[in-house]
């Protein structure tokens, strides 16, 4: 995935323990990916799976808390 062009910066607040686990995982990788690379890949994988699961249709989450 090459998203280097036209990136939009966003703010992201994470629980400190989750961030520590995230960074520890990155540090254990042979080639430590950037936080951005990992988040983009995870988000893309998640969205592709959701599109496959729902057929690309919007899911009604109006009952979700």
N, C-alpha and C. Protein backbone atom coordinates (compact mmCIF):
# COMPACT_ATOMS: atom_id res chain seq x y z
N UNK A 1 0.85 -1.17 0.00
CA UNK A 1 0.00 0.00 0.00
C UNK A 1 0.90 1.23 0.00
N UNK A 2 0.75 2.07 -0.99
CA UNK A 2 1.57 3.28 -1.07
C UNK A 2 0.67 4.48 -0.88
N UNK A 3 0.64 4.97 0.35
CA UNK A 3 -0.19 6.13 0.66
C UNK A 3 0.66 7.35 0.97
N UNK A 4 1.90 7.36 0.52
CA UNK A 4 2.82 8.43 0.87
C UNK A 4 2.34 9.79 0.40
N UNK A 5 1.64 9.83 -0.69
CA UNK A 5 1.15 11.10 -1.21
C UNK A 5 -0.18 11.45 -0.59
N UNK A 6 -0.43 12.72 -0.40
CA UNK A 6 -1.72 13.22 0.06
C UNK A 6 -2.16 12.66 1.41
N UNK A 7 -1.24 12.43 2.32
CA UNK A 7 -1.62 11.94 3.64
C UNK A 7 -2.21 13.08 4.45
N UNK A 8 -3.18 12.75 5.26
CA UNK A 8 -3.79 13.70 6.18
C UNK A 8 -3.39 13.30 7.59
N UNK A 9 -2.90 14.25 8.35
CA UNK A 9 -2.50 13.98 9.72
C UNK A 9 -3.73 13.98 10.61
N UNK A 10 -3.79 12.99 11.52
CA UNK A 10 -4.88 12.92 12.48
C UNK A 10 -4.28 12.78 13.87
N UNK A 11 -5.06 13.10 14.87
CA UNK A 11 -4.64 12.90 16.25
C UNK A 11 -5.20 11.57 16.74
N UNK A 12 -4.47 10.90 17.58
CA UNK A 12 -4.91 9.61 18.09
C UNK A 12 -4.48 9.50 19.54
N UNK A 13 -5.43 9.31 20.44
CA UNK A 13 -5.13 9.15 21.85
C UNK A 13 -5.29 7.68 22.21
N UNK A 14 -4.25 7.09 22.77
CA UNK A 14 -4.28 5.68 23.15
C UNK A 14 -3.99 5.53 24.63
N UNK A 15 -4.54 4.49 25.21
CA UNK A 15 -4.22 4.12 26.58
C UNK A 15 -2.72 3.87 26.67
N UNK A 16 -2.04 4.37 27.69
CA UNK A 16 -0.58 4.19 27.78
C UNK A 16 -0.13 2.73 27.75
N UNK A 17 -0.90 1.85 28.36
CA UNK A 17 -0.53 0.43 28.35
C UNK A 17 -0.64 -0.17 26.94
N UNK A 18 -1.67 0.22 26.22
CA UNK A 18 -1.83 -0.25 24.84
C UNK A 18 -0.71 0.27 23.97
N UNK A 19 -0.37 1.54 24.13
CA UNK A 19 0.72 2.12 23.36
C UNK A 19 2.05 1.42 23.67
N UNK A 20 2.29 1.10 24.94
CA UNK A 20 3.51 0.40 25.32
C UNK A 20 3.56 -0.98 24.68
N UNK A 21 2.43 -1.69 24.67
CA UNK A 21 2.37 -3.01 24.01
C UNK A 21 2.62 -2.88 22.52
N UNK A 22 2.02 -1.87 21.92
CA UNK A 22 2.16 -1.60 20.49
C UNK A 22 3.63 -1.35 20.14
N UNK A 23 4.26 -0.47 20.90
CA UNK A 23 5.66 -0.15 20.63
C UNK A 23 6.58 -1.35 20.90
N UNK A 24 6.25 -2.14 21.93
CA UNK A 24 7.05 -3.35 22.22
C UNK A 24 6.94 -4.34 21.07
N UNK A 25 5.75 -4.49 20.51
CA UNK A 25 5.58 -5.38 19.36
C UNK A 25 6.41 -4.88 18.18
N UNK A 26 6.35 -3.58 17.92
CA UNK A 26 7.12 -3.00 16.81
C UNK A 26 8.61 -3.26 17.01
N UNK A 27 9.09 -3.10 18.25
CA UNK A 27 10.50 -3.30 18.55
C UNK A 27 10.95 -4.74 18.35
N UNK A 28 10.02 -5.69 18.48
CA UNK A 28 10.37 -7.11 18.29
C UNK A 28 10.43 -7.53 16.82
N UNK A 29 9.96 -6.66 15.93
CA UNK A 29 9.96 -7.00 14.51
C UNK A 29 11.37 -6.86 13.95
N UNK A 30 11.66 -7.68 12.96
CA UNK A 30 13.00 -7.65 12.35
C UNK A 30 13.34 -6.26 11.83
N UNK A 31 12.40 -5.66 11.14
CA UNK A 31 12.53 -4.29 10.66
C UNK A 31 11.39 -3.51 11.29
N UNK A 32 11.70 -2.75 12.32
CA UNK A 32 10.66 -2.06 13.08
C UNK A 32 9.89 -1.07 12.20
N UNK A 33 8.61 -1.38 11.93
CA UNK A 33 7.81 -0.46 11.10
C UNK A 33 7.42 0.77 11.92
N UNK A 34 7.12 1.85 11.22
CA UNK A 34 6.66 3.05 11.91
C UNK A 34 5.26 2.81 12.45
N UNK A 35 4.88 3.62 13.41
CA UNK A 35 3.51 3.53 13.93
C UNK A 35 2.51 3.75 12.79
N UNK A 36 2.80 4.72 11.94
CA UNK A 36 1.90 5.02 10.83
C UNK A 36 1.75 3.81 9.91
N UNK A 37 2.86 3.17 9.57
CA UNK A 37 2.80 2.00 8.68
C UNK A 37 1.91 0.90 9.26
N UNK A 38 2.09 0.64 10.55
CA UNK A 38 1.31 -0.43 11.19
C UNK A 38 -0.16 -0.07 11.25
N UNK A 39 -0.46 1.15 11.67
CA UNK A 39 -1.86 1.57 11.79
C UNK A 39 -2.55 1.56 10.42
N UNK A 40 -1.87 2.04 9.38
CA UNK A 40 -2.45 2.02 8.03
C UNK A 40 -2.73 0.59 7.57
N UNK A 41 -1.78 -0.31 7.81
CA UNK A 41 -1.96 -1.70 7.38
C UNK A 41 -3.10 -2.37 8.15
N UNK A 42 -3.14 -2.16 9.46
CA UNK A 42 -4.22 -2.75 10.26
C UNK A 42 -5.58 -2.20 9.86
N UNK A 43 -5.66 -0.90 9.67
CA UNK A 43 -6.92 -0.28 9.29
C UNK A 43 -7.38 -0.77 7.91
N UNK A 44 -6.45 -0.84 6.98
CA UNK A 44 -6.78 -1.33 5.64
C UNK A 44 -7.26 -2.78 5.68
N UNK A 45 -6.56 -3.61 6.44
CA UNK A 45 -6.94 -5.03 6.57
C UNK A 45 -8.33 -5.15 7.19
N UNK A 46 -8.57 -4.38 8.25
CA UNK A 46 -9.88 -4.40 8.90
C UNK A 46 -10.99 -3.97 7.94
N UNK A 47 -10.77 -2.85 7.24
CA UNK A 47 -11.80 -2.35 6.34
C UNK A 47 -12.05 -3.30 5.18
N UNK A 48 -11.00 -3.93 4.64
CA UNK A 48 -11.18 -4.92 3.57
C UNK A 48 -12.02 -6.09 4.07
N UNK A 49 -11.74 -6.55 5.29
CA UNK A 49 -12.50 -7.66 5.86
C UNK A 49 -13.96 -7.27 6.09
N UNK A 50 -14.18 -6.05 6.57
CA UNK A 50 -15.56 -5.58 6.78
C UNK A 50 -16.30 -5.46 5.45
N UNK A 51 -15.63 -4.94 4.42
CA UNK A 51 -16.26 -4.85 3.11
C UNK A 51 -16.64 -6.23 2.59
N UNK A 52 -15.75 -7.19 2.80
CA UNK A 52 -16.03 -8.56 2.36
C UNK A 52 -17.20 -9.15 3.15
N UNK A 53 -17.21 -8.90 4.46
CA UNK A 53 -18.25 -9.44 5.33
C UNK A 53 -19.62 -8.83 5.02
N UNK A 54 -19.64 -7.53 4.74
CA UNK A 54 -20.92 -6.83 4.55
C UNK A 54 -21.27 -6.62 3.09
N UNK A 55 -20.39 -7.05 2.19
CA UNK A 55 -20.64 -6.80 0.78
C UNK A 55 -20.47 -5.33 0.43
N UNK A 56 -19.74 -4.60 1.25
CA UNK A 56 -19.51 -3.18 1.01
C UNK A 56 -20.66 -2.30 1.41
N UNK A 57 -21.66 -2.89 2.07
CA UNK A 57 -22.82 -2.12 2.48
C UNK A 57 -22.59 -1.50 3.86
N UNK A 58 -23.23 -0.38 4.09
CA UNK A 58 -23.17 0.29 5.39
C UNK A 58 -23.92 -0.54 6.42
N UNK A 59 -23.30 -0.71 7.58
CA UNK A 59 -23.92 -1.45 8.67
C UNK A 59 -24.59 -0.46 9.60
N UNK A 60 -25.84 -0.75 10.00
CA UNK A 60 -26.58 0.13 10.92
C UNK A 60 -26.08 -0.11 12.33
N UNK A 61 -25.39 0.89 12.88
CA UNK A 61 -24.88 0.79 14.26
C UNK A 61 -25.67 1.69 15.20
N UNK A 62 -26.90 2.01 14.84
CA UNK A 62 -27.67 2.96 15.65
C UNK A 62 -27.98 2.42 17.05
N UNK A 63 -27.95 1.10 17.24
CA UNK A 63 -28.20 0.52 18.55
C UNK A 63 -26.93 0.36 19.36
N UNK A 64 -25.78 0.62 18.76
CA UNK A 64 -24.51 0.45 19.48
C UNK A 64 -24.31 1.55 20.50
N UNK A 65 -23.68 1.17 21.60
CA UNK A 65 -23.37 2.17 22.64
C UNK A 65 -22.04 2.79 22.39
